Protein backbone atom coordinates (compact mmCIF):
# COMPACT_ATOMS: atom_id res chain seq x y z
CA UNK A 1 1.48 8.46 -4.04
CA UNK A 2 3.35 6.84 -1.07
CA UNK A 3 5.26 4.02 -2.87
CA UNK A 4 8.40 3.55 -0.53
CA UNK A 5 8.01 2.74 3.48
CA UNK A 6 9.65 1.29 6.58
CA UNK A 7 9.06 -0.91 9.12
CA UNK A 8 11.54 -0.89 11.45
CA UNK A 9 10.44 -2.37 15.08
CA UNK A 10 9.91 -6.29 15.33
CA UNK A 11 7.15 -8.16 14.39
CA UNK A 12 6.48 -9.28 17.49
CA UNK A 13 5.70 -5.34 18.67
CA UNK A 14 3.63 -4.66 15.64
CA UNK A 15 1.29 -8.29 16.02
CA UNK A 16 0.64 -7.35 19.56
CA UNK A 17 0.12 -3.29 18.76
CA UNK A 18 -3.23 -4.72 16.39
CA UNK A 19 -4.06 -8.22 18.48
CA UNK A 20 -2.26 -10.23 16.15
CA UNK A 21 -2.51 -14.45 18.16
CA UNK A 22 0.11 -15.52 15.24
CA UNK A 23 2.73 -15.21 12.93
CA UNK A 24 2.70 -16.91 10.05
CA UNK A 25 6.67 -15.75 9.55
CA UNK A 26 8.00 -15.61 12.50
CA UNK A 27 11.40 -13.80 12.79
CA UNK A 28 12.41 -11.62 9.82
CA UNK A 29 14.70 -8.74 9.98
CA UNK A 30 14.56 -4.90 10.07
CA UNK A 31 12.98 -3.12 6.50
CA UNK A 32 13.86 0.27 6.29
CA UNK A 33 12.72 0.03 2.54
CA UNK A 34 9.87 -1.64 1.15
CA UNK A 35 8.98 -1.14 -2.66
CA UNK A 36 5.92 -2.22 -4.57
CA UNK A 37 5.57 -5.37 -5.24
CA UNK A 38 7.97 -6.16 -2.05
CA UNK A 39 6.47 -8.93 0.92
CA UNK A 40 5.89 -7.02 3.56
CA UNK A 41 3.91 -8.11 6.97
CA UNK A 42 0.31 -6.75 7.68
CA UNK A 43 -2.66 -7.81 9.78
CA UNK A 44 -5.59 -9.42 8.74
CA UNK A 45 -8.76 -11.42 10.23
CA UNK A 46 -8.19 -15.11 9.40
CA UNK A 47 -10.99 -17.47 8.89
CA UNK A 48 -11.22 -18.64 12.32
CA UNK A 49 -11.86 -15.00 13.01
CA UNK A 50 -8.68 -14.62 14.60
CA UNK A 51 -6.21 -11.69 13.57
CA UNK A 52 -3.21 -13.09 11.72
CA UNK A 53 0.26 -11.57 10.50
CA UNK A 54 1.50 -12.78 7.08
CA UNK A 55 3.69 -11.46 4.67
CA UNK A 56 2.38 -10.11 1.69
CA UNK A 57 3.19 -8.53 -1.35
CA UNK A 58 2.46 -4.89 -1.87
CA UNK A 59 0.10 -4.19 -4.80
CA UNK A 60 -3.31 -5.08 -5.67
CA UNK A 61 -5.04 -6.06 -8.53
CA UNK A 62 -4.96 -3.28 -11.71
CA UNK A 63 -8.30 -2.31 -12.65
CA UNK A 64 -9.92 -4.51 -15.66
CA UNK A 65 -10.30 -1.57 -17.73
CA UNK A 66 -6.45 -0.04 -17.47
CA UNK A 67 -5.47 -4.05 -18.69
CA UNK A 68 -7.94 -3.87 -21.72
CA UNK A 69 -5.88 -0.72 -23.01
CA UNK A 70 -2.87 -2.46 -22.26
CA UNK A 71 -3.48 -5.20 -24.00
CA UNK A 72 -5.00 -3.16 -26.59
CA UNK A 73 -2.39 -1.36 -27.64
CA UNK A 74 0.06 -4.95 -27.70
CA UNK A 75 -2.54 -6.00 -29.80
CA UNK A 76 -2.28 -3.38 -32.52
CA UNK A 77 1.63 -3.89 -32.44
CA UNK A 78 1.14 -7.58 -33.37
CA UNK A 79 -1.90 -6.62 -35.94
CA UNK A 80 0.32 -3.67 -37.34
CA UNK A 81 3.27 -6.72 -37.63
CA UNK A 82 0.49 -9.55 -39.10
CA UNK A 83 1.12 -11.56 -36.26
CA UNK A 84 -1.43 -13.72 -35.00
CA UNK A 85 -3.09 -13.49 -31.70
CA UNK A 86 -5.76 -14.92 -29.43
CA UNK A 87 -6.89 -11.14 -28.01
CA UNK A 88 -8.47 -13.18 -25.11
CA UNK A 89 -4.73 -15.04 -23.82
CA UNK A 90 -3.29 -11.99 -24.65
CA UNK A 91 -5.34 -9.91 -22.19
CA UNK A 92 -4.50 -12.87 -19.81
CA UNK A 93 -1.52 -12.26 -19.58
CA UNK A 94 -0.72 -8.74 -19.97
CA UNK A 95 1.33 -7.93 -17.06
CA UNK A 96 -0.11 -6.41 -13.68
CA UNK A 97 2.70 -4.33 -12.12
CA UNK A 98 -0.12 -4.13 -9.77
CA UNK A 99 -1.73 -1.33 -8.08
CA UNK A 100 0.14 0.25 -4.43
CA UNK A 101 -2.86 2.64 -3.14
CA UNK A 102 -6.22 2.83 -2.56
CA UNK A 103 -7.08 6.90 -3.60
CA UNK A 104 -10.94 6.81 -5.49
CA UNK A 105 -13.10 4.48 -3.57
CA UNK A 106 -15.96 6.48 -4.59
CA UNK A 107 -17.10 6.99 -7.84
CA UNK A 108 -17.06 10.63 -8.90
CA UNK A 109 -19.87 9.55 -11.75
CA UNK A 110 -22.51 8.44 -9.66
CA UNK A 111 -21.67 8.79 -5.98
CA UNK A 112 -21.78 5.13 -5.34
CA UNK A 113 -18.07 2.69 -3.99
CA UNK A 114 -16.40 2.18 -6.54
CA UNK A 115 -16.84 -0.82 -8.72
CA UNK A 116 -12.68 -1.77 -8.75
CA UNK A 117 -12.59 -1.94 -5.20
CA UNK A 118 -16.07 -2.44 -3.76
CA UNK A 119 -14.63 -6.08 -3.40
CA UNK A 120 -12.12 -5.45 -1.44
CA UNK A 121 -13.47 -2.82 0.55
CA UNK A 122 -15.45 -5.51 2.85
CA UNK A 123 -14.65 -6.71 6.45
CA UNK A 124 -12.98 -9.99 5.41
CA UNK A 125 -10.25 -8.14 3.30
CA UNK A 126 -9.68 -4.60 5.15
CA UNK A 127 -6.26 -5.31 6.79
CA UNK A 128 -3.70 -3.35 9.09
CA UNK A 129 -0.07 -2.67 7.48
CA UNK A 130 2.61 -1.39 9.99
CA UNK A 131 4.88 1.08 9.52
CA UNK A 132 7.72 2.91 11.15
CA UNK A 133 8.43 5.73 8.54
CA UNK A 134 7.15 6.61 4.40
CA UNK A 135 8.27 8.74 2.22
CA UNK A 136 7.13 10.59 -0.80
CA UNK A 137 8.95 12.52 -3.92
CA UNK A 138 9.22 16.48 -3.30
CA UNK A 139 7.32 17.50 -6.67
CA UNK A 140 5.69 20.35 -5.44
CA UNK A 141 8.44 22.29 -3.82
CA UNK A 142 11.15 22.01 -5.56
CA UNK A 143 10.50 19.69 -7.84
CA UNK A 144 13.52 17.26 -7.18
CA UNK A 145 10.93 13.80 -6.70
CA UNK A 146 13.49 13.71 -3.94
CA UNK A 147 12.22 11.34 -1.23
CA UNK A 148 11.05 13.30 1.83
CA UNK A 149 10.26 11.16 5.23
CA UNK A 150 7.71 11.48 7.20
CA UNK A 151 7.23 9.52 10.12
CA UNK A 152 4.89 10.27 13.82
CA UNK A 153 7.92 11.57 16.34
CA UNK A 154 11.48 11.85 15.48
CA UNK A 155 12.15 8.34 17.35
CA UNK A 156 9.94 6.04 14.54
CA UNK A 157 6.65 5.08 16.37
CA UNK A 158 5.00 2.41 14.99
CA UNK A 159 1.77 2.97 13.53
CA UNK A 160 -0.40 1.44 11.19
CA UNK A 161 -1.67 2.69 7.78
CA UNK A 162 -5.18 1.42 7.02
CA UNK A 163 -4.86 -1.51 4.18
CA UNK A 164 -6.66 -4.52 2.06
CA UNK A 165 -5.48 -7.49 0.95
CA UNK A 166 -6.36 -10.50 -1.66
CA UNK A 167 -5.62 -13.51 -3.14
CA UNK A 168 -4.52 -12.62 -6.71
CA UNK A 169 -3.41 -14.57 -10.01
CA UNK A 170 -1.47 -12.68 -12.91
CA UNK A 171 1.10 -11.91 -14.58
CA UNK A 172 3.28 -9.52 -12.51
CA UNK A 173 6.60 -9.78 -13.90
CA UNK A 174 7.22 -11.28 -17.98
CA UNK A 175 10.41 -12.96 -16.29
CA UNK A 176 8.33 -15.10 -14.10
CA UNK A 177 4.96 -15.88 -15.85
CA UNK A 178 2.09 -16.96 -14.25
CA UNK A 179 1.64 -16.36 -10.63
CA UNK A 180 -0.43 -16.78 -7.45
CA UNK A 181 0.25 -15.28 -4.19
CA UNK A 182 -1.52 -12.44 -1.52
CA UNK A 183 -1.34 -8.97 -2.44
CA UNK A 184 -2.40 -6.12 -0.14
CA UNK A 185 -2.18 -2.68 -0.82
CA UNK A 186 -3.49 0.58 1.62
CA UNK A 187 -5.58 3.41 0.88
CA UNK A 188 -5.27 7.08 0.53
CA UNK A 189 -6.57 10.77 1.49
CA UNK A 190 -5.74 14.59 1.56
CA UNK A 191 -2.73 15.27 2.29
CA UNK A 192 -2.17 18.06 5.31
CA UNK A 193 1.31 19.52 6.11
CA UNK A 194 3.44 18.84 6.38
CA UNK A 195 2.74 16.20 3.62
CA UNK A 196 0.95 18.86 1.86
CA UNK A 197 3.93 21.23 1.14
CA UNK A 198 6.05 17.97 -1.06
CA UNK A 199 3.09 16.25 -2.12
CA UNK A 200 -0.42 17.37 -2.37
CA UNK A 201 -1.75 14.86 -4.55
CA UNK A 202 -2.08 12.30 -1.82
CA UNK A 203 -1.28 10.98 1.89
CA UNK A 204 -1.46 7.43 3.12
CA UNK A 205 -4.48 6.76 5.85
CA UNK A 206 -3.43 6.24 9.08
CA UNK A 207 -4.66 4.46 11.70
CA UNK A 208 -3.05 5.57 15.58
CA UNK A 209 -6.73 5.11 17.87
CA UNK A 210 -6.73 0.79 18.78
CA UNK A 211 -10.64 1.95 18.61
CA UNK A 212 -10.17 2.83 15.19
CA UNK A 213 -8.03 -0.16 14.62
CA UNK A 214 -10.71 -2.90 15.65
CA UNK A 215 -13.30 -0.85 13.55
CA UNK A 216 -11.72 -1.18 11.17
CA UNK A 217 -10.91 -4.83 11.47
CA UNK A 218 -14.39 -5.57 12.33
CA UNK A 219 -16.86 -7.17 10.00
CA UNK A 220 -18.92 -3.82 9.35
CA UNK A 221 -19.78 -2.79 6.26
CA UNK A 222 -18.12 -0.21 4.01
CA UNK A 223 -20.83 1.94 5.00
CA UNK A 224 -19.46 2.11 8.33
CA UNK A 225 -16.13 2.67 8.31
CA UNK A 226 -15.40 4.55 4.99
CA UNK A 227 -15.14 7.75 7.86
CA UNK A 228 -11.84 6.39 8.34
CA UNK A 229 -10.61 7.40 4.73
CA UNK A 230 -9.28 10.79 6.45
CA UNK A 231 -6.57 13.25 6.44
CA UNK A 232 -4.10 12.70 9.61
CA UNK A 233 -4.46 15.31 12.12
CA UNK A 234 -2.43 18.35 11.75
CA UNK A 235 0.38 18.13 13.44
CA UNK A 236 0.40 14.23 13.45
CA UNK A 237 3.65 13.87 11.36
CA UNK A 238 7.23 14.77 11.26
CA UNK A 239 9.88 15.12 8.51
CA UNK A 240 12.47 13.07 9.96
CA UNK A 241 16.22 11.11 8.58
CA UNK A 242 15.48 8.34 6.59
CA UNK A 243 16.18 4.76 8.79
CA UNK A 244 18.48 2.51 8.81
CA UNK A 245 20.74 4.12 6.44
CA UNK A 246 24.33 5.58 7.74
CA UNK A 247 24.67 8.72 8.95
CA UNK A 248 26.70 11.49 7.03
CA UNK A 249 30.10 11.64 7.97
CA UNK A 250 31.10 15.25 8.41
CA UNK A 251 34.56 16.43 6.84
CA UNK A 252 37.69 15.98 9.32
CA UNK A 253 39.03 19.51 10.45
CA UNK A 254 42.20 20.40 9.42
């Protein structure tokens, strides 16, 4: 899964490309490395119908089933120690590290919309996530887990992931405790080359056509936009050096 990307173009450029009329955060330096739980700019449709750019934290809510299983394991350990506890409180305070990538929007068992993601696939919770390059670990070519970077071209043009967002409240980190914030994630789909060689599992859903971006941010029901969760066209992506890193100096000739 994609757990690292870069956004090196200006917020103003991204806002203009996505048709955002305002930006809550305004100035922000380029971001050569955006990791899970980092704040990052997205474009969404605000309550007044205007497109707005704002910073959200990367990581949608983890499924209730997964959190229940984690809390159950924690409860078992407490029981073994003879420690008294309230399971409901334990479940509420179970750390939710977030889900960065949204792949299974349709249930394999029922063929219907996945019940976990269904509340956020509607028009009010869809968003665009600007990026200039993204990374996938090499787990299928040499198995080094080394990050391989991809962009639409060698000059790192601006592009957008198809994302979703929601207000959220949870314990993301034990040391910070209960928090209320806005979270986002983006959709993934089947890999194609050149990503496929290094990471067969998935690749982000990328929107480059303004008409597709408009449809994604429209109030259209999920059934009318779900076809956008598709693989990038073959050859759309290029392998590139990581952005914003110092160039490796060649050894001086003697």
